C-alpha atoms as a PDB file:
ATOM      1  CA  MET A   1       0.101   0.294  -0.034  1.00  0.00           C
ATOM      2  CA  LEU A   2       0.923   3.476  -0.463  1.00  0.00           C
ATOM      3  CA  ASP A   3       2.947   5.559   2.108  1.00  0.00           C
ATOM      4  CA  TYR A   4      -0.198   8.284   2.427  1.00  0.00           C
ATOM      5  CA  ASP A   5       2.242  10.785   4.544  1.00  0.00           C
ATOM      6  CA  LEU A   6       4.209  11.001   1.257  1.00  0.00           C
ATOM      7  CA  GLU A   7       1.454  11.055  -1.165  1.00  0.00           C
ATOM      8  CA  ALA A   8      -0.277  13.819   0.880  1.00  0.00           C
ATOM      9  CA  ALA A   9       1.440  16.917  -0.903  1.00  0.00           C
ATOM     10  CA  HIS A  10       0.512  15.684  -4.149  1.00  0.00           C
ATOM     11  CA  TYR A  11      -2.663  13.346  -3.969  1.00  0.00           C
ATOM     12  CA  ASP A  12      -5.311  15.627  -4.941  1.00  0.00           C
ATOM     13  CA  GLU A  13      -3.698  16.708  -8.250  1.00  0.00           C
ATOM     14  CA  THR A  14      -3.189  13.104  -9.113  1.00  0.00           C
ATOM     15  CA  ARG A  15      -6.616  11.717  -8.537  1.00  0.00           C
ATOM     16  CA  GLY A  16      -9.013  14.014 -10.249  1.00  0.00           C
ATOM     17  CA  GLY A  17      -8.686  16.994  -7.953  1.00  0.00           C
ATOM     18  CA  VAL A  18     -11.636  19.251  -7.147  1.00  0.00           C
ATOM     19  CA  ALA A  19     -13.807  18.042  -9.811  1.00  0.00           C
ATOM     20  CA  ARG A  20     -14.122  14.175  -9.029  1.00  0.00           C
ATOM     21  CA  ALA A  21     -14.161  15.437  -5.091  1.00  0.00           C
ATOM     22  CA  GLY A  22     -17.252  17.250  -5.982  1.00  0.00           C
ATOM     23  CA  ALA A  23     -18.586  14.867  -8.085  1.00  0.00           C
ATOM     24  CA  ALA A  24     -18.185  12.002  -5.464  1.00  0.00           C
ATOM     25  CA  ALA A  25     -19.493  14.297  -2.364  1.00  0.00           C
ATOM     26  CA  ASP A  26     -22.668  14.873  -4.391  1.00  0.00           C
ATOM     27  CA  ALA A  27     -23.213  11.425  -4.438  1.00  0.00           C
ATOM     28  CA  VAL A  28     -22.817  10.851  -0.750  1.00  0.00           C
ATOM     29  CA  LEU A  29     -25.252  13.620  -0.329  1.00  0.00           C
ATOM     30  CA  GLU A  30     -27.679  12.028  -2.581  1.00  0.00           C
ATOM     31  CA  LEU A  31     -27.733   9.088  -0.022  1.00  0.00           C
ATOM     32  CA  LEU A  32     -27.320  11.086   3.119  1.00  0.00           C
ATOM     33  CA  PRO A  33     -30.291  12.034   5.495  1.00  0.00           C
ATOM     34  CA  ALA A  34     -30.537  15.774   5.388  1.00  0.00           C
ATOM     35  CA  ASP A  35     -30.927  15.721   9.286  1.00  0.00           C
ATOM     36  CA  CYS A  36     -27.615  14.003   9.616  1.00  0.00           C
ATOM     37  CA  ALA A  37     -25.815  16.057  12.564  1.00  0.00           C
ATOM     38  CA  VAL A  38     -22.532  13.941  12.866  1.00  0.00           C
ATOM     39  CA  LEU A  39     -21.051  12.435  10.024  1.00  0.00           C
ATOM     40  CA  VAL A  40     -17.581  10.832  10.236  1.00  0.00           C
ATOM     41  CA  ASP A  41     -15.720  10.312   7.059  1.00  0.00           C
ATOM     42  CA  VAL A  42     -12.916   7.487   7.407  1.00  0.00           C
ATOM     43  CA  ALA A  43      -9.712   7.809   5.531  1.00  0.00           C
ATOM     44  CA  CYS A  44     -10.672  11.078   4.875  1.00  0.00           C
ATOM     45  CA  GLY A  45      -7.334  11.804   3.406  1.00  0.00           C
ATOM     46  CA  THR A  46      -6.841  15.521   2.569  1.00  0.00           C
ATOM     47  CA  GLY A  47     -10.308  16.530   3.363  1.00  0.00           C
ATOM     48  CA  ILE A  48     -11.122  17.101  -0.159  1.00  0.00           C
ATOM     49  CA  VAL A  49     -14.323  15.456  -0.078  1.00  0.00           C
ATOM     50  CA  SER A  50     -14.919  16.007   3.732  1.00  0.00           C
ATOM     51  CA  GLU A  51     -15.112  19.574   3.187  1.00  0.00           C
ATOM     52  CA  LEU A  52     -18.127  19.328   0.765  1.00  0.00           C
ATOM     53  CA  LEU A  53     -20.089  17.053   3.216  1.00  0.00           C
ATOM     54  CA  THR A  54     -20.285  20.249   5.772  1.00  0.00           C
ATOM     55  CA  ALA A  55     -23.607  21.852   6.331  1.00  0.00           C
ATOM     56  CA  PRO A  56     -25.067  24.251   8.828  1.00  0.00           C
ATOM     57  CA  GLY A  57     -25.937  22.124  12.059  1.00  0.00           C
ATOM     58  CA  ARG A  58     -23.731  19.153  10.855  1.00  0.00           C
ATOM     59  CA  THR A  59     -20.336  18.298  12.315  1.00  0.00           C
ATOM     60  CA  VAL A  60     -17.892  16.420  10.014  1.00  0.00           C
ATOM     61  CA  ILE A  61     -15.208  14.261  11.593  1.00  0.00           C
ATOM     62  CA  GLY A  62     -12.358  13.026   9.488  1.00  0.00           C
ATOM     63  CA  VAL A  63     -10.390   9.880  10.550  1.00  0.00           C
ATOM     64  CA  ASP A  64      -7.083   8.955   8.888  1.00  0.00           C
ATOM     65  CA  PRO A  65      -4.201   7.167   9.987  1.00  0.00           C
ATOM     66  CA  ALA A  66      -1.618   9.524   8.076  1.00  0.00           C
ATOM     67  CA  ALA A  67      -0.771  12.672  10.046  1.00  0.00           C
ATOM     68  CA  ALA A  68       0.360  14.535   6.771  1.00  0.00           C
ATOM     69  CA  MET A  69      -3.101  13.985   5.223  1.00  0.00           C
ATOM     70  CA  LEU A  70      -4.739  15.034   8.355  1.00  0.00           C
ATOM     71  CA  ALA A  71      -2.585  18.309   8.289  1.00  0.00           C
ATOM     72  CA  LEU A  72      -4.058  19.237   5.099  1.00  0.00           C
ATOM     73  CA  ALA A  73      -7.754  18.357   5.986  1.00  0.00           C
ATOM     74  CA  GLN A  74      -8.164  20.184   9.142  1.00  0.00           C
ATOM     75  CA  PRO A  75      -8.088  23.841   7.547  1.00  0.00           C
ATOM     76  CA  ARG A  76     -10.662  22.334   5.154  1.00  0.00           C
ATOM     77  CA  LEU A  77     -12.995  21.461   7.715  1.00  0.00           C
ATOM     78  CA  GLY A  78     -12.520  24.600   9.515  1.00  0.00           C
ATOM     79  CA  GLY A  79     -15.177  25.492  12.093  1.00  0.00           C
ATOM     80  CA  GLY A  80     -17.644  23.021  10.675  1.00  0.00           C
ATOM     81  CA  GLY A  81     -15.381  19.718  11.773  1.00  0.00           C
ATOM     82  CA  HIS A  82     -12.381  18.353  13.166  1.00  0.00           C
ATOM     83  CA  VAL A  83      -9.919  15.718  12.179  1.00  0.00           C
ATOM     84  CA  VAL A  84      -8.581  12.746  14.452  1.00  0.00           C
ATOM     85  CA  ARG A  85      -5.737  10.230  13.861  1.00  0.00           C
ATOM     86  CA  GLY A  86      -7.278   6.398  13.635  1.00  0.00           C
ATOM     87  CA  ASP A  87      -7.882   3.377  12.006  1.00  0.00           C
ATOM     88  CA  ALA A  88     -11.112   2.197  10.156  1.00  0.00           C
ATOM     89  CA  THR A  89     -11.302  -1.004  12.289  1.00  0.00           C
ATOM     90  CA  GLN A  90     -11.077   0.793  15.587  1.00  0.00           C
ATOM     91  CA  LEU A  91     -12.643   4.224  15.376  1.00  0.00           C
ATOM     92  CA  PRO A  92     -12.174   6.552  18.133  1.00  0.00           C
ATOM     93  CA  LEU A  93     -15.690   7.200  18.462  1.00  0.00           C
ATOM     94  CA  ALA A  94     -18.221   5.972  21.327  1.00  0.00           C
ATOM     95  CA  THR A  95     -20.677   3.217  20.491  1.00  0.00           C
ATOM     96  CA  GLY A  96     -23.863   4.610  18.943  1.00  0.00           C
ATOM     97  CA  SER A  97     -22.747   8.044  18.856  1.00  0.00           C
ATOM     98  CA  VAL A  98     -22.836   9.146  15.182  1.00  0.00           C
ATOM     99  CA  ASP A  99     -25.556   9.571  12.337  1.00  0.00           C
ATOM    100  CA  ALA A 100     -23.302   8.392   9.189  1.00  0.00           C
ATOM    101  CA  VAL A 101     -20.044   6.918   8.329  1.00  0.00           C
ATOM    102  CA  THR A 102     -18.370   7.375   4.982  1.00  0.00           C
ATOM    103  CA  PHE A 103     -15.941   5.120   3.238  1.00  0.00           C
ATOM    104  CA  MET A 104     -14.668   6.654   0.343  1.00  0.00           C
ATOM    105  CA  TRP A 105     -11.941   5.268  -1.775  1.00  0.00           C
ATOM    106  CA  LEU A 106     -10.986   2.679   0.894  1.00  0.00           C
ATOM    107  CA  LEU A 107     -12.599  -0.755   0.657  1.00  0.00           C
ATOM    108  CA  HIS A 108     -11.031  -1.466  -2.567  1.00  0.00           C
ATOM    109  CA  LEU A 109      -7.525  -0.987  -0.652  1.00  0.00           C
ATOM    110  CA  VAL A 110      -7.864  -3.392   1.911  1.00  0.00           C
ATOM    111  CA  ASP A 111      -8.442  -7.267   2.254  1.00  0.00           C
ATOM    112  CA  GLU A 112     -11.825  -8.680   2.727  1.00  0.00           C
ATOM    113  CA  ALA A 113     -11.161  -9.461   6.701  1.00  0.00           C
ATOM    114  CA  LEU A 114     -10.374  -5.655   7.188  1.00  0.00           C
ATOM    115  CA  VAL A 115     -13.518  -4.735   5.058  1.00  0.00           C
ATOM    116  CA  ALA A 116     -15.654  -6.884   7.491  1.00  0.00           C
ATOM    117  CA  SER A 117     -13.716  -5.247  10.783  1.00  0.00           C
ATOM    118  CA  ALA A 118     -14.405  -1.904   8.956  1.00  0.00           C
ATOM    119  CA  ILE A 119     -18.053  -2.445   8.177  1.00  0.00           C
ATOM    120  CA  ALA A 120     -18.803  -4.102  11.780  1.00  0.00           C
ATOM    121  CA  GLU A 121     -16.897  -0.922  13.359  1.00  0.00           C
ATOM    122  CA  ALA A 122     -19.231   1.658  11.524  1.00  0.00           C
ATOM    123  CA  ALA A 123     -22.137  -0.158  12.597  1.00  0.00           C
ATOM    124  CA  ARG A 124     -21.015  -0.063  15.983  1.00  0.00           C
ATOM    125  CA  ALA A 125     -20.282   3.644  16.108  1.00  0.00           C
ATOM    126  CA  LEU A 126     -23.615   4.320  14.065  1.00  0.00           C
ATOM    127  CA  ARG A 127     -26.877   5.366  16.097  1.00  0.00           C
ATOM    128  CA  PRO A 128     -29.998   3.351  15.267  1.00  0.00           C
ATOM    129  CA  GLY A 129     -31.119   4.396  11.952  1.00  0.00           C
ATOM    130  CA  GLY A 130     -27.720   5.662  10.916  1.00  0.00           C
ATOM    131  CA  MET A 131     -25.993   5.307   7.612  1.00  0.00           C
ATOM    132  CA  MET A 132     -22.998   4.001   6.227  1.00  0.00           C
ATOM    133  CA  ILE A 133     -22.042   5.312   2.705  1.00  0.00           C
ATOM    134  CA  THR A 134     -19.105   3.705   0.753  1.00  0.00           C
ATOM    135  CA  THR A 135     -17.943   3.459  -2.710  1.00  0.00           C
ATOM    136  CA  VAL A 136     -18.153  -0.215  -3.932  1.00  0.00           C
ATOM    137  CA  ASP A 137     -16.527  -1.922  -6.884  1.00  0.00           C
ATOM    138  CA  LYS A 138     -14.145   0.975  -7.171  1.00  0.00           C
ATOM    139  CA  ASN A 139     -11.580  -0.735  -9.048  1.00  0.00           C
ATOM    140  CA  ALA A 140     -14.074  -2.362 -11.464  1.00  0.00           C
ATOM    141  CA  ALA A 141     -15.412   0.947 -12.865  1.00  0.00           C
ATOM    142  CA  GLN A 142     -12.287   1.944 -14.931  1.00  0.00           C
ATOM    143  CA  TYR A 143     -12.450  -1.306 -16.880  1.00  0.00           C
ATOM    144  CA  GLU A 144     -16.476  -1.037 -17.321  1.00  0.00           C
ATOM    145  CA  THR A 145     -16.567   2.111 -19.487  1.00  0.00           C
ATOM    146  CA  ASP A 146     -18.751   2.365 -22.170  1.00  0.00           C
ATOM    147  CA  SER A 147     -16.021   2.551 -24.946  1.00  0.00           C
ATOM    148  CA  ASP A 148     -14.300   0.253 -27.316  1.00  0.00           C
ATOM    149  CA  VAL A 149     -11.267   0.065 -24.756  1.00  0.00           C
ATOM    150  CA  GLY A 150     -14.215  -1.090 -22.116  1.00  0.00           C
ATOM    151  CA  GLU A 151     -15.169  -3.783 -24.764  1.00  0.00           C
ATOM    152  CA  ILE A 152     -11.649  -5.346 -24.304  1.00  0.00           C
ATOM    153  CA  LEU A 153     -10.830  -4.862 -20.924  1.00  0.00           C
ATOM    154  CA  ARG A 154     -14.243  -5.814 -19.193  1.00  0.00           C
ATOM    155  CA  PRO A 155     -14.315  -9.524 -20.211  1.00  0.00           C
ATOM    156  CA  ALA A 156     -10.238  -9.729 -19.580  1.00  0.00           C
ATOM    157  CA  ARG A 157     -10.716  -8.248 -15.992  1.00  0.00           C
ATOM    158  CA  ARG A 158     -13.674 -10.737 -15.435  1.00  0.00           C
ATOM    159  CA  GLU A 159     -11.405 -13.643 -16.735  1.00  0.00           C
ATOM    160  CA  LEU A 160      -8.402 -13.093 -14.987  1.00  0.00           C
ATOM    161  CA  ALA A 161      -8.943 -10.824 -11.716  1.00  0.00           C
ATOM    162  CA  PRO A 162      -9.659 -12.332  -8.639  1.00  0.00           C
ATOM    163  CA  PRO A 163     -13.048 -11.208  -6.486  1.00  0.00           C
ATOM    164  CA  ALA A 164     -12.816  -7.751  -5.321  1.00  0.00           C
ATOM    165  CA  SER A 165     -12.704  -6.715  -1.619  1.00  0.00           C
ATOM    166  CA  ASP A 166     -15.512  -4.138  -2.435  1.00  0.00           C
ATOM    167  CA  ASP A 167     -17.602  -6.312  -4.695  1.00  0.00           C
ATOM    168  CA  VAL A 168     -21.070  -4.600  -4.116  1.00  0.00           C
ATOM    169  CA  GLU A 169     -22.701  -8.064  -3.481  1.00  0.00           C
ATOM    170  CA  ARG A 170     -19.986  -9.025  -0.966  1.00  0.00           C
ATOM    171  CA  VAL A 171     -20.433  -5.699   0.873  1.00  0.00           C
ATOM    172  CA  ARG A 172     -24.005  -6.236   0.991  1.00  0.00           C
ATOM    173  CA  GLU A 173     -23.738  -9.775   2.737  1.00  0.00           C
ATOM    174  CA  LEU A 174     -21.197  -8.264   5.067  1.00  0.00           C
ATOM    175  CA  ALA A 175     -23.264  -5.236   6.178  1.00  0.00           C
ATOM    176  CA  ALA A 176     -26.149  -7.555   6.603  1.00  0.00           C
ATOM    177  CA  THR A 177     -24.313  -9.438   9.338  1.00  0.00           C
ATOM    178  CA  VAL A 178     -24.095  -6.508  11.359  1.00  0.00           C
ATOM    179  CA  GLY A 179     -27.551  -5.063  10.847  1.00  0.00           C
ATOM    180  CA  LEU A 180     -27.045  -2.654   8.072  1.00  0.00           C
ATOM    181  CA  LYS A 181     -29.903  -2.856   5.154  1.00  0.00           C
ATOM    182  CA  PRO A 182     -29.309  -1.475   1.763  1.00  0.00           C
ATOM    183  CA  ALA A 183     -30.571   2.174   1.303  1.00  0.00           C
ATOM    184  CA  GLY A 184     -29.936   3.120  -2.069  1.00  0.00           C
ATOM    185  CA  LEU A 185     -27.225   3.364  -4.766  1.00  0.00           C
ATOM    186  CA  ALA A 186     -25.461   6.307  -6.177  1.00  0.00           C
ATOM    187  CA  GLY A 187     -22.890   7.092  -8.767  1.00  0.00           C
ATOM    188  CA  TYR A 188     -20.289   9.794 -10.028  1.00  0.00           C
ATOM    189  CA  VAL A 189     -18.141  10.455 -12.662  1.00  0.00           C
ATOM    190  CA  GLY A 190     -14.286   9.914 -11.938  1.00  0.00           C
ATOM    191  CA  HIS A 191     -13.130  13.359 -13.729  1.00  0.00           C
ATOM    192  CA  GLY A 192      -9.771  13.084 -15.311  1.00  0.00           C
ATOM    193  CA  GLN A 193      -9.712   9.160 -14.849  1.00  0.00           C
ATOM    194  CA  GLY A 194     -10.106   8.324 -18.416  1.00  0.00           C
ATOM    195  CA  ARG A 195      -7.162   6.953 -20.278  1.00  0.00           C
ATOM    196  CA  PRO A 196      -6.047   6.495 -24.322  1.00  0.00           C
ATOM    197  CA  PRO A 197      -5.475   2.912 -25.450  1.00  0.00           C
ATOM    198  CA  ARG A 198      -1.629   3.388 -25.572  1.00  0.00           C
ATOM    199  CA  GLU A 199      -1.793   3.789 -21.994  1.00  0.00           C
ATOM    200  CA  TRP A 200      -3.784   0.962 -21.314  1.00  0.00           C
ATOM    201  CA  ALA A 201      -1.750  -1.199 -23.092  1.00  0.00           C
ATOM    202  CA  ARG A 202       1.301   0.051 -20.941  1.00  0.00           C
ATOM    203  CA  ARG A 203      -0.738  -0.354 -17.844  1.00  0.00           C
ATOM    204  CA  VAL A 204      -1.967  -4.203 -18.995  1.00  0.00           C
ATOM    205  CA  ARG A 205       1.819  -4.938 -19.463  1.00  0.00           C
ATOM    206  CA  GLU A 206       3.617  -3.320 -16.599  1.00  0.00           C
ATOM    207  CA  ASP A 207       0.927  -2.144 -13.764  1.00  0.00           C
ATOM    208  CA  ILE A 208      -1.969  -4.006 -13.328  1.00  0.00           C
ATOM    209  CA  THR A 209      -1.839  -6.648 -10.542  1.00  0.00           C
ATOM    210  CA  TRP A 210      -4.673  -9.175 -12.069  1.00  0.00           C
ATOM    211  CA  THR A 211      -2.283  -9.350 -15.209  1.00  0.00           C
ATOM    212  CA  ARG A 212       0.963 -10.008 -13.698  1.00  0.00           C
ATOM    213  CA  GLY A 213       0.472 -13.583 -13.058  1.00  0.00           C
ATOM    214  CA  ALA A 214      -1.562 -14.345 -16.247  1.00  0.00           C
ATOM    215  CA  ASP A 215      -0.575 -16.393 -19.401  1.00  0.00           C
ATOM    216  CA  PRO A 216       2.072 -13.988 -21.269  1.00  0.00           C
ATOM    217  CA  ALA A 217       0.212 -14.899 -24.568  1.00  0.00           C
ATOM    218  CA  ARG A 218      -3.196 -13.795 -23.009  1.00  0.00           C
ATOM    219  CA  VAL A 219      -1.592 -10.526 -21.942  1.00  0.00           C
ATOM    220  CA  ALA A 220       0.021  -9.869 -25.253  1.00  0.00           C
ATOM    221  CA  GLU A 221      -3.488 -10.550 -27.209  1.00  0.00           C
ATOM    222  CA  ILE A 222      -5.251  -7.894 -24.811  1.00  0.00           C
ATOM    223  CA  CYS A 223      -2.199  -5.426 -25.701  1.00  0.00           C
ATOM    224  CA  ARG A 224      -2.532  -6.280 -29.440  1.00  0.00           C
ATOM    225  CA  ALA A 225      -6.423  -5.430 -29.189  1.00  0.00           C
ATOM    226  CA  LEU A 226      -5.868  -2.123 -27.533  1.00  0.00           C
ATOM    227  CA  GLU A 227      -3.205  -0.937 -29.707  1.00  0.00           C
ATOM    228  CA  ALA A 228      -5.277  -1.806 -32.687  1.00  0.00           C
ATOM    229  CA  LEU A 229      -7.794   0.652 -32.003  1.00  0.00           C
ATOM    230  CA  PRO A 230      -8.001   3.902 -33.428  1.00  0.00           C
ATOM    231  CA  GLY A 231      -7.221   7.148 -31.685  1.00  0.00           C
ATOM    232  CA  GLN A 232      -4.384   5.758 -29.633  1.00  0.00           C
ATOM    233  CA  GLU A 233      -3.391   8.958 -27.846  1.00  0.00           C
ATOM    234  CA  VAL A 234      -7.412  10.118 -27.423  1.00  0.00           C
ATOM    235  CA  ARG A 235      -8.609   9.706 -23.927  1.00  0.00           C
ATOM    236  CA  ARG A 236     -11.798   7.614 -23.541  1.00  0.00           C
ATOM    237  CA  ALA A 237     -14.986   8.194 -21.457  1.00  0.00           C
ATOM    238  CA  ASP A 238     -14.192   8.717 -17.497  1.00  0.00           C
ATOM    239  CA  PRO A 239     -15.313   5.805 -15.300  1.00  0.00           C
ATOM    240  CA  VAL A 240     -18.613   6.157 -13.340  1.00  0.00           C
ATOM    241  CA  TYR A 241     -18.087   4.979  -9.815  1.00  0.00           C
ATOM    242  CA  LYS A 242     -20.706   3.560  -7.569  1.00  0.00           C
ATOM    243  CA  VAL A 243     -21.576   4.768  -4.235  1.00  0.00           C
ATOM    244  CA  ALA A 244     -23.876   2.579  -1.672  1.00  0.00           C
ATOM    245  CA  GLY A 245     -25.781   3.414   1.137  1.00  0.00           C
ATOM    246  CA  PHE A 246     -26.830   1.279   3.979  1.00  0.00           C
ATOM    247  CA  ARG A 247     -28.911   1.857   7.083  1.00  0.00           C
ATOM    248  CA  LEU A 248     -28.678   0.501  10.563  1.00  0.00           C
ATOM    249  CA  GLY A 249     -31.838  -0.971  11.548  1.00  0.00           C
ATOM    250  CA  GLY A 250     -35.008   0.746  10.690  1.00  0.00           C
ATOM    251  CA  LYS A 251     -36.210   4.288  11.367  1.00  0.00           C
END
């Protein structure tokens, strides 16, 4: 996993910046009850999304293990919240004390055991009727674009990649075990995340984890298909990411 203390200084500019953060925050707000008074943004990073979740009468608490990230997040939250150094599996929160817990861009980074622990910890911290909101199928989205590149990468990933830790169906199953019920889906465009075919071919050869152990002949076949597409330097459609909401019990 990346060293997020080292990544902090240039994290936002390499991840779609304000445009992607705004789109992500809008998706969260689409699912978030308007009367949410205390929201905890877990793995808040630089606070670029957390800031946009603040509202009159709402306190936003950013939690992250990286001190350098929190140093950037605190000024963004200003008087509408604060930051705390902590871990998704051991939140520094009293049981039943918050109205919402959000996981943006987190569950896809950890294994299923940690996903299960994070979901259980969110349920512990929530009040009855509270909401957990999280990105799901995060990495899958970049291979599922409505484009000629997507038509090549979609079946290749389904053939070669292991099950994702943030697979939406698996997240639903884990949520159900701790009393969290599905409460809606939203989506947002990952601004600046689309790539041209030539870049995708390079990534398939060098960077993608699920192609590293694949048959080299199959990898070469995928790359040839990508390199045969027109507009080799033309960026394709940005991915559309999913955000899922889960409510603790009934309300």
